[in-house]
Amino acid sequence: MTPVAVRGTTLILPTQDGGADAYLARPDDDAPHPAVLFYTDIMGVRPSMQKMADRLAAAGYTVLVPNVFYRSSPAPVVEMPDVVTDDILWDVVGRAVPVAQSLTPKDAMRDALAWLDWLEVSEFTTGGSVGITGYCNGGMLCLRTAGSYPDRVAAAAIIHGSHLITDAPDSPHLAAEHIKGEVFFANGDKDTINPPEEVERFNAVLSAAGVRHRSEMYADAQHGFCSSDLLPLYNKEADERHWAGLLDLFGRTL
């Protein structure tokens, strides 16, 4: 598919807890396109994530990137330079962790309904089921959303997801039994947050739940391999492989 021109805008979405800022990327033709809900990594909405949304939009999708941490702050929720190097990486990530931890599963899924409702009625979408992609903490939100609203999610891409299986009574992995859409699960073999043994555990969860899924493991890729502004973590080869899988998933299901 030849990439198309993209229009990116910021907007405020209504929720039960007030207005949430978001980024919307769509083909610049004012026509309706299949909808994608994009959950960022733990660092939130920022230029690198907006560029990823633009790339999806250029492939023919209307892409909504909500600031899921809007209760804490409008984006950016953590101040960071355009490029994060080794010497400041864990300081920046550390400042994002408590913000992410403040978002409860209950609030996150109430918000997810607002995001899905907005996409369903938008003049820029074709309506119907959506695709979701999520990175790091966003991968966990992607999983919860696909399980909480199974009739509204045609496909879910969980990319280097974090803390998918926990001992909590509401562990994210429990959502798998409700998923009806197809799942794409991509990880790096150097990921210390979601290591290969955890990937295998989650693959088994998906299989036991009867979820249609494809799982890919990328060599020499760490957690965060898609985040181009987090230089110590970024892996271009793994990133491009994830793009191939992601576009294949959405091309078949949306």
Protein backbone atom coordinates (compact mmCIF):
# COMPACT_ATOMS: atom_id res chain seq x y z
CA MET A 1 0.00 0.00 0.00
CA THR A 2 1.30 3.45 -0.92
CA PRO A 3 1.45 5.66 2.19
CA VAL A 4 -1.02 8.54 2.18
CA ALA A 5 -0.75 12.05 3.58
CA VAL A 6 -1.62 12.24 7.26
CA ARG A 7 -3.32 14.85 9.41
CA GLY A 8 -2.52 14.91 13.12
CA THR A 9 -4.56 16.89 15.62
CA THR A 10 -4.95 17.19 19.37
CA LEU A 11 -8.36 17.03 20.99
CA ILE A 12 -10.14 16.66 24.31
CA LEU A 13 -12.22 13.53 24.85
CA PRO A 14 -15.13 13.45 27.32
CA THR A 15 -14.90 10.93 30.16
CA GLN A 16 -16.78 10.40 33.40
CA ASP A 17 -13.86 12.05 35.21
CA GLY A 18 -13.43 15.07 32.95
CA GLY A 19 -11.73 15.91 29.69
CA ALA A 20 -8.82 13.75 28.52
CA ASP A 21 -6.31 15.06 26.02
CA ALA A 22 -5.53 12.86 23.03
CA TYR A 23 -3.76 12.79 19.69
CA LEU A 24 -5.66 11.80 16.55
CA ALA A 25 -3.89 10.73 13.36
CA ARG A 26 -5.83 10.01 10.19
CA PRO A 27 -5.46 10.02 6.43
CA ASP A 28 -5.81 13.58 5.16
CA ASP A 29 -8.84 12.92 3.00
CA ASP A 30 -11.81 13.49 5.36
CA ALA A 31 -13.05 9.97 4.56
CA PRO A 32 -13.89 7.35 7.17
CA HIS A 33 -11.27 4.66 7.84
CA PRO A 34 -11.00 1.63 10.13
CA ALA A 35 -10.35 2.65 13.73
CA VAL A 36 -7.30 1.87 15.83
CA LEU A 37 -6.92 2.60 19.54
CA PHE A 38 -3.26 3.17 20.36
CA TYR A 39 -2.00 2.76 23.93
CA THR A 40 1.46 4.27 24.45
CA ASP A 41 4.25 2.90 26.61
CA ILE A 42 4.65 4.03 30.22
CA MET A 43 6.15 7.37 29.16
CA GLY A 44 2.86 8.50 27.65
CA VAL A 45 1.90 10.59 24.63
CA ARG A 46 4.90 12.35 23.09
CA PRO A 47 6.43 12.96 19.64
CA SER A 48 7.83 9.44 19.17
CA MET A 49 4.44 7.87 19.89
CA GLN A 50 2.69 10.41 17.66
CA LYS A 51 5.05 9.45 14.81
CA MET A 52 4.06 5.82 15.28
CA ALA A 53 0.39 6.79 15.13
CA ASP A 54 1.11 8.79 11.97
CA ARG A 55 2.69 5.72 10.40
CA LEU A 56 -0.43 3.69 11.12
CA ALA A 57 -2.61 6.45 9.75
CA ALA A 58 -0.52 6.54 6.57
CA ALA A 59 -1.44 2.87 6.10
CA GLY A 60 -5.12 3.83 6.02
CA TYR A 61 -6.34 3.93 9.63
CA THR A 62 -7.85 6.51 11.95
CA VAL A 63 -5.70 6.26 15.06
CA LEU A 64 -6.64 7.58 18.51
CA VAL A 65 -3.85 7.98 21.08
CA PRO A 66 -5.43 8.95 24.42
CA ASN A 67 -3.45 10.28 27.33
CA VAL A 68 -4.53 7.54 29.73
CA PHE A 69 -2.82 9.43 32.56
CA TYR A 70 -4.94 12.56 32.13
CA ARG A 71 -6.01 12.46 35.77
CA SER A 72 -2.39 13.15 36.72
CA SER A 73 -1.49 15.67 34.03
CA PRO A 74 -1.99 16.61 30.39
CA ALA A 75 0.66 15.15 28.11
CA PRO A 76 3.55 15.03 28.48
CA VAL A 77 3.05 13.57 31.94
CA VAL A 78 6.82 13.21 32.38
CA GLU A 79 9.21 15.84 31.10
CA MET A 80 11.89 14.23 28.99
CA PRO A 81 14.29 15.28 26.23
CA ASP A 82 13.69 14.36 22.62
CA VAL A 83 16.34 11.65 22.95
CA VAL A 84 16.90 9.72 26.19
CA THR A 85 20.42 8.38 26.69
CA ASP A 86 21.88 5.78 29.05
CA ASP A 87 22.77 8.24 31.78
CA ILE A 88 19.19 9.46 32.33
CA LEU A 89 17.07 6.52 31.11
CA TRP A 90 16.16 4.99 34.45
CA ASP A 91 15.64 8.36 36.11
CA VAL A 92 13.09 9.27 33.43
CA VAL A 93 11.41 5.86 33.55
CA GLY A 94 11.37 5.96 37.35
CA ARG A 95 9.43 9.22 37.31
CA ALA A 96 6.82 7.63 35.04
CA VAL A 97 6.24 4.54 37.20
CA PRO A 98 4.17 6.16 39.99
CA VAL A 99 2.03 7.94 37.39
CA ALA A 100 1.27 4.62 35.71
CA GLN A 101 0.62 2.92 39.04
CA SER A 102 -1.97 5.58 39.92
CA LEU A 103 -4.24 4.39 37.10
CA THR A 104 -6.47 1.65 38.48
CA PRO A 105 -7.83 -1.16 36.29
CA LYS A 106 -11.36 0.03 37.03
CA ASP A 107 -10.64 3.59 35.90
CA ALA A 108 -8.66 2.38 32.89
CA MET A 109 -11.53 0.23 31.63
CA ARG A 110 -14.10 2.93 32.26
CA ASP A 111 -11.91 5.18 30.14
CA ALA A 112 -11.49 2.47 27.50
CA LEU A 113 -15.23 2.51 26.98
CA ALA A 114 -15.06 6.26 26.40
CA TRP A 115 -12.27 5.80 23.82
CA LEU A 116 -14.23 3.06 22.02
CA ASP A 117 -17.45 5.06 22.07
CA TRP A 118 -15.69 8.07 20.59
CA LEU A 119 -14.19 6.02 17.79
CA GLU A 120 -17.51 4.35 17.01
CA VAL A 121 -19.34 7.61 16.33
CA SER A 122 -16.49 9.63 14.82
CA GLU A 123 -17.04 10.84 11.28
CA PHE A 124 -13.47 9.74 10.54
CA THR A 125 -14.04 6.03 11.29
CA THR A 126 -16.03 3.31 9.58
CA GLY A 127 -17.61 2.29 12.88
CA GLY A 128 -17.80 -1.30 14.04
CA SER A 129 -14.99 -3.27 15.66
CA VAL A 130 -11.61 -1.66 16.21
CA GLY A 131 -8.00 -2.72 16.37
CA ILE A 132 -5.86 -1.97 19.40
CA THR A 133 -2.11 -1.77 19.76
CA GLY A 134 -0.33 -1.25 23.06
CA TYR A 135 3.27 -1.00 24.20
CA CYS A 136 4.78 -1.78 27.62
CA ASN A 137 2.15 -0.64 30.13
CA GLY A 138 -0.08 -0.02 27.11
CA GLY A 139 0.18 -3.70 26.20
CA MET A 140 -1.43 -4.53 29.51
CA LEU A 141 -4.19 -1.97 28.84
CA CYS A 142 -4.63 -3.46 25.38
CA LEU A 143 -5.14 -6.91 26.91
CA ARG A 144 -7.63 -5.65 29.48
CA THR A 145 -9.60 -3.72 26.85
CA ALA A 146 -9.79 -6.66 24.45
CA GLY A 147 -11.15 -8.83 27.27
CA SER A 148 -13.47 -6.22 28.75
CA TYR A 149 -15.12 -5.30 25.43
CA PRO A 150 -14.69 -8.44 23.32
CA ASP A 151 -17.51 -7.65 20.88
CA ARG A 152 -15.89 -4.33 20.00
CA VAL A 153 -12.29 -5.44 19.45
CA ALA A 154 -11.41 -7.30 16.26
CA ALA A 155 -7.66 -7.43 16.88
CA ALA A 156 -5.21 -6.63 19.65
CA ALA A 157 -1.44 -6.22 19.39
CA ILE A 158 0.43 -6.56 22.68
CA ILE A 159 3.98 -5.32 22.10
CA HIS A 160 6.57 -5.88 24.86
CA GLY A 161 3.70 -5.85 27.34
CA SER A 162 4.48 -5.50 31.02
CA HIS A 163 3.12 -7.35 34.06
CA LEU A 164 0.61 -9.40 32.10
CA ILE A 165 0.54 -12.20 34.68
CA THR A 166 0.47 -11.28 38.36
CA ASP A 167 -0.79 -12.78 41.61
CA ALA A 168 -3.50 -10.14 41.92
CA PRO A 169 -7.14 -11.28 41.80
CA ASP A 170 -7.61 -8.99 38.79
CA SER A 171 -4.40 -9.97 36.99
CA PRO A 172 -4.49 -8.81 33.33
CA HIS A 173 -4.09 -12.34 31.99
CA LEU A 174 -7.53 -13.29 33.32
CA ALA A 175 -9.04 -11.14 30.57
CA ALA A 176 -7.82 -13.61 27.95
CA GLU A 177 -10.73 -16.01 28.44
CA HIS A 178 -13.12 -13.31 27.21
CA ILE A 179 -11.21 -12.21 24.10
CA LYS A 180 -12.90 -12.85 20.75
CA GLY A 181 -10.53 -10.99 18.44
CA GLU A 182 -7.13 -12.07 17.17
CA VAL A 183 -4.00 -11.29 19.21
CA PHE A 184 -0.50 -10.46 18.01
CA PHE A 185 2.10 -10.81 20.77
CA ALA A 186 5.63 -9.52 20.10
CA ASN A 187 8.56 -9.52 22.52
CA GLY A 188 12.34 -9.32 22.76
CA ASP A 189 14.53 -12.11 24.06
CA LYS A 190 16.52 -9.65 26.22
CA ASP A 191 13.42 -8.29 27.97
CA THR A 192 13.92 -8.39 31.75
CA ILE A 193 10.43 -7.09 32.56
CA ASN A 194 8.63 -9.65 30.43
CA PRO A 195 11.33 -12.33 29.97
CA PRO A 196 11.02 -15.30 27.58
CA GLU A 197 9.70 -17.60 30.30
CA GLU A 198 6.87 -15.15 31.01
CA VAL A 199 6.17 -14.92 27.30
CA GLU A 200 5.75 -18.68 27.19
CA ARG A 201 3.43 -18.57 30.19
CA PHE A 202 1.25 -16.00 28.49
CA ASN A 203 1.29 -17.91 25.20
CA ALA A 204 -0.06 -20.87 27.18
CA VAL A 205 -2.77 -18.66 28.68
CA LEU A 206 -3.89 -17.56 25.20
CA SER A 207 -3.87 -21.13 23.92
CA ALA A 208 -5.85 -22.43 26.90
CA ALA A 209 -8.43 -19.69 26.36
CA GLY A 210 -8.77 -20.59 22.68
CA VAL A 211 -7.61 -17.16 21.54
CA ARG A 212 -6.39 -16.94 17.95
CA HIS A 213 -2.91 -15.54 18.26
CA ARG A 214 0.55 -15.24 16.79
CA SER A 215 3.58 -14.79 19.03
CA GLU A 216 6.95 -13.52 17.82
CA MET A 217 10.26 -13.30 19.68
CA TYR A 218 12.93 -10.90 18.43
CA ALA A 219 16.64 -11.51 18.92
CA ASP A 220 18.73 -9.04 20.95
CA ALA A 221 15.68 -6.87 21.68
CA GLN A 222 15.00 -5.37 25.09
CA HIS A 223 11.82 -4.14 26.71
CA GLY A 224 10.93 -0.91 24.92
CA PHE A 225 12.44 -1.90 21.58
CA CYS A 226 9.82 0.14 19.67
CA SER A 227 10.48 3.44 21.48
CA SER A 228 12.80 5.30 19.13
CA ASP A 229 13.44 8.10 21.63
CA LEU A 230 14.67 5.69 24.31
CA LEU A 231 18.01 5.05 22.65
CA PRO A 232 19.40 2.39 25.03
CA LEU A 233 16.30 0.26 24.43
CA TYR A 234 15.44 0.90 20.79
CA ASN A 235 16.09 -1.87 18.27
CA LYS A 236 15.33 -0.88 14.70
CA GLU A 237 15.26 -4.43 13.32
CA ALA A 238 12.83 -5.61 16.00
CA ASP A 239 10.75 -2.47 15.56
CA GLU A 240 10.39 -3.06 11.82
CA ARG A 241 9.48 -6.71 12.40
CA HIS A 242 6.73 -5.61 14.77
CA TRP A 243 5.43 -3.20 12.14
CA ALA A 244 5.19 -6.00 9.59
CA GLY A 245 3.18 -8.13 12.02
CA LEU A 246 1.01 -5.23 13.13
CA LEU A 247 0.05 -4.13 9.63
CA ASP A 248 -0.61 -7.73 8.61
CA LEU A 249 -2.92 -8.18 11.62
CA PHE A 250 -4.93 -5.04 10.97
CA GLY A 251 -4.96 -5.61 7.22
CA ARG A 252 -6.67 -8.97 7.73
CA THR A 253 -9.06 -8.07 10.54
CA LEU A 254 -10.20 -4.45 10.10
